[in-house]
Amino acid sequence: MGTAKFIQDETEFDSLLSNESLMVVDCTATWCGPCKLVAPLIDQLAEEYSDRAKVFKLDVTDNKAVAKRFGVRSIPAVMVFKQGALMETLVGVKSYEEFTAAVERQR
């Protein structure tokens, strides 16, 4: 089963941003209860969309600079990037269908 990998730091984030045409980033934290509800959906998205989009997780506790850069003030926040540009951010617990719809809108 595919799972979304964690982005380690801002350098890796920027590298992925410039190299991936369609990228989904789940901004999360280990202490965040609602994030635990979203995590399995993000892993499912990573598996089902592996051929169309790259799906990652980003711990905002360890990557405050990235969170600040994109205005992430509450988590979970799932950001959808296309060609390096932020296209959409879904904040809060959402259904799997809402996540897939956000990805489909960018295809």
Protein backbone atom coordinates (compact mmCIF):
# COMPACT_ATOMS: atom_id res chain seq x y z
CA MET A 1 0.00 0.00 0.00
CA GLY A 2 1.39 3.39 -0.97
CA THR A 3 1.72 6.04 1.64
CA ALA A 4 2.54 9.70 1.32
CA LYS A 5 6.17 10.42 2.25
CA PHE A 6 7.14 13.21 4.60
CA ILE A 7 9.04 16.16 3.16
CA GLN A 8 12.06 16.70 5.41
CA ASP A 9 12.86 20.38 4.95
CA GLU A 10 12.34 23.52 2.88
CA THR A 11 15.14 22.60 0.46
CA GLU A 12 13.45 19.29 -0.39
CA PHE A 13 10.08 21.06 -0.60
CA ASP A 14 11.43 23.62 -3.09
CA SER A 15 13.10 20.89 -5.15
CA LEU A 16 9.85 18.91 -5.38
CA LEU A 17 7.89 22.07 -6.17
CA SER A 18 10.08 22.82 -9.18
CA ASN A 19 10.18 19.22 -10.42
CA GLU A 20 6.63 17.91 -9.98
CA SER A 21 3.89 19.06 -12.35
CA LEU A 22 1.06 18.15 -9.93
CA MET A 23 1.77 17.92 -6.21
CA VAL A 24 -0.42 17.55 -3.13
CA VAL A 25 1.00 18.47 0.29
CA ASP A 26 -0.78 17.61 3.53
CA CYS A 27 0.32 20.08 6.23
CA THR A 28 0.10 18.12 9.45
CA ALA A 29 1.59 17.69 12.94
CA THR A 30 1.95 14.76 15.32
CA TRP A 31 -0.02 16.60 18.05
CA CYS A 32 -2.97 17.43 15.76
CA GLY A 33 -6.04 15.25 16.35
CA PRO A 34 -7.94 16.18 13.15
CA CYS A 35 -4.75 15.53 11.15
CA LYS A 36 -4.89 11.89 12.25
CA LEU A 37 -8.33 11.63 10.61
CA VAL A 38 -7.02 13.03 7.32
CA ALA A 39 -3.78 10.97 7.25
CA PRO A 40 -5.30 7.70 5.92
CA LEU A 41 -7.16 9.64 3.21
CA ILE A 42 -3.92 11.27 2.09
CA ASP A 43 -2.23 7.85 1.99
CA GLN A 44 -5.14 6.55 -0.11
CA LEU A 45 -4.79 9.55 -2.43
CA ALA A 46 -1.04 8.85 -2.77
CA GLU A 47 -1.79 5.29 -3.81
CA GLU A 48 -4.70 5.92 -6.16
CA TYR A 49 -3.13 8.95 -7.86
CA SER A 50 0.46 7.69 -7.95
CA ASP A 51 0.53 7.92 -11.76
CA ARG A 52 -1.04 11.40 -11.92
CA ALA A 53 0.10 13.37 -8.86
CA LYS A 54 2.81 13.23 -6.21
CA VAL A 55 1.37 13.28 -2.69
CA PHE A 56 3.41 14.29 0.35
CA LYS A 57 3.04 15.19 4.01
CA LEU A 58 4.72 18.14 5.69
CA ASP A 59 5.11 18.39 9.46
CA VAL A 60 4.49 22.08 10.17
CA THR A 61 6.19 21.84 13.57
CA ASP A 62 9.47 21.01 11.81
CA ASN A 63 8.83 23.22 8.78
CA LYS A 64 7.43 26.49 10.10
CA ALA A 65 9.03 28.49 7.27
CA VAL A 66 7.12 26.57 4.58
CA ALA A 67 3.84 26.86 6.50
CA LYS A 68 4.35 30.59 6.95
CA ARG A 69 5.29 31.06 3.30
CA PHE A 70 1.96 29.63 2.15
CA GLY A 71 -0.15 31.19 4.90
CA VAL A 72 -1.00 27.93 6.65
CA ARG A 73 -2.52 29.02 9.97
CA SER A 74 -4.62 26.00 10.84
CA ILE A 75 -4.15 22.32 10.15
CA PRO A 76 -4.88 19.96 8.61
CA ALA A 77 -4.35 21.97 5.44
CA VAL A 78 -3.96 20.20 2.12
CA MET A 79 -2.32 22.28 -0.60
CA VAL A 80 -2.57 21.46 -4.30
CA PHE A 81 0.22 22.75 -6.54
CA LYS A 82 0.33 22.74 -10.33
CA GLN A 83 3.60 23.61 -12.12
CA GLY A 84 4.94 25.00 -8.82
CA ALA A 85 2.00 27.36 -8.21
CA LEU A 86 -0.40 26.97 -5.29
CA MET A 87 -3.81 26.37 -6.87
CA GLU A 88 -5.96 25.44 -3.89
CA THR A 89 -5.82 24.85 -0.14
CA LEU A 90 -8.35 22.68 1.71
CA VAL A 91 -8.39 23.46 5.44
CA GLY A 92 -9.87 21.14 8.04
CA VAL A 93 -11.14 17.58 7.89
CA LYS A 94 -12.57 16.88 4.44
CA SER A 95 -13.95 13.80 2.73
CA TYR A 96 -11.85 11.72 0.38
CA GLU A 97 -14.10 12.91 -2.46
CA GLU A 98 -13.24 16.54 -1.70
CA PHE A 99 -9.51 15.75 -1.91
CA THR A 100 -9.86 13.85 -5.18
CA ALA A 101 -12.04 16.64 -6.64
CA ALA A 102 -9.32 19.20 -5.79
CA VAL A 103 -6.74 17.09 -7.65
CA GLU A 104 -9.06 16.48 -10.60
CA ARG A 105 -9.67 20.23 -11.00
CA GLN A 106 -5.95 20.66 -11.76
CA ARG A 107 -5.61 17.91 -14.36
